[in-house]
Amino acid sequence: MPELAEPAIAVEQFDCPTCEVPAGSTCRTRGGKVAPKYHTPRTTPRASCSSPSSAPSWR
């Protein structure tokens, strides 16, 4: 199992759907200042598959 990255790096590897900052940037408030915490949609875990063939076949 791979090691977990630093929390900020793990969160900032994705664009934020709330404030629309690009990956690698911290979340922003409506006024453009750095937000005191990350927006919830950005921090929710995402499912990842290494390849479609790694998914189980239920048929």
Protein backbone atom coordinates (compact mmCIF):
# COMPACT_ATOMS: atom_id res chain seq x y z
CA MET A 1 0.00 0.00 0.00
CA PRO A 2 1.44 3.42 -0.92
CA GLU A 3 2.27 5.91 1.80
CA LEU A 4 -0.21 8.72 2.44
CA ALA A 5 0.90 12.12 1.18
CA GLU A 6 0.85 15.24 3.30
CA PRO A 7 -2.81 16.25 3.80
CA ALA A 8 -2.45 19.59 1.97
CA ILE A 9 -0.75 17.95 -0.99
CA ALA A 10 -3.43 15.26 -1.14
CA VAL A 11 -6.24 17.86 -1.16
CA GLU A 12 -4.59 20.34 -3.51
CA GLN A 13 -3.98 17.77 -6.25
CA PHE A 14 -7.55 18.42 -7.43
CA ASP A 15 -9.29 21.58 -8.69
CA CYS A 16 -11.81 23.01 -6.22
CA PRO A 17 -15.37 22.81 -7.59
CA THR A 18 -16.57 25.48 -5.13
CA CYS A 19 -14.12 28.35 -5.64
CA GLU A 20 -12.73 27.05 -8.95
CA VAL A 21 -9.05 27.38 -8.06
CA PRO A 22 -6.72 25.14 -10.06
CA ALA A 23 -4.93 22.13 -8.61
CA GLY A 24 -1.96 23.14 -6.46
CA SER A 25 -3.65 26.27 -5.06
CA THR A 26 -5.38 26.83 -1.74
CA CYS A 27 -9.11 27.54 -1.61
CA ARG A 28 -10.26 31.16 -1.80
CA THR A 29 -13.14 33.13 -0.31
CA ARG A 30 -15.60 35.09 -2.46
CA GLY A 31 -13.45 38.16 -1.83
CA GLY A 32 -10.34 36.40 -3.17
CA LYS A 33 -8.54 35.90 0.15
CA VAL A 34 -7.16 32.54 1.27
CA ALA A 35 -9.97 30.53 2.87
CA PRO A 36 -9.42 29.42 6.49
CA LYS A 37 -10.16 25.80 5.52
CA TYR A 38 -10.61 23.72 2.39
CA HIS A 39 -14.09 23.50 0.87
CA THR A 40 -15.88 20.22 1.64
CA PRO A 41 -16.35 19.02 -1.99
CA ARG A 42 -12.59 19.27 -2.48
CA THR A 43 -11.78 17.16 0.56
CA THR A 44 -14.24 14.31 -0.02
CA PRO A 45 -12.46 11.12 -1.04
CA ARG A 46 -12.58 10.16 -4.68
CA ALA A 47 -12.73 6.59 -5.86
CA SER A 48 -9.86 5.70 -8.09
CA CYS A 49 -9.25 2.65 -10.21
CA SER A 50 -5.89 1.98 -11.73
CA SER A 51 -7.63 0.56 -14.78
CA PRO A 52 -11.13 -0.48 -15.78
CA SER A 53 -10.04 -4.12 -15.78
CA SER A 54 -9.30 -3.92 -12.03
CA ALA A 55 -13.00 -3.45 -11.26
CA PRO A 56 -14.79 -6.64 -10.21
CA SER A 57 -17.13 -8.23 -12.68
CA TRP A 58 -20.58 -8.83 -11.18
CA ARG A 59 -22.03 -10.69 -14.13
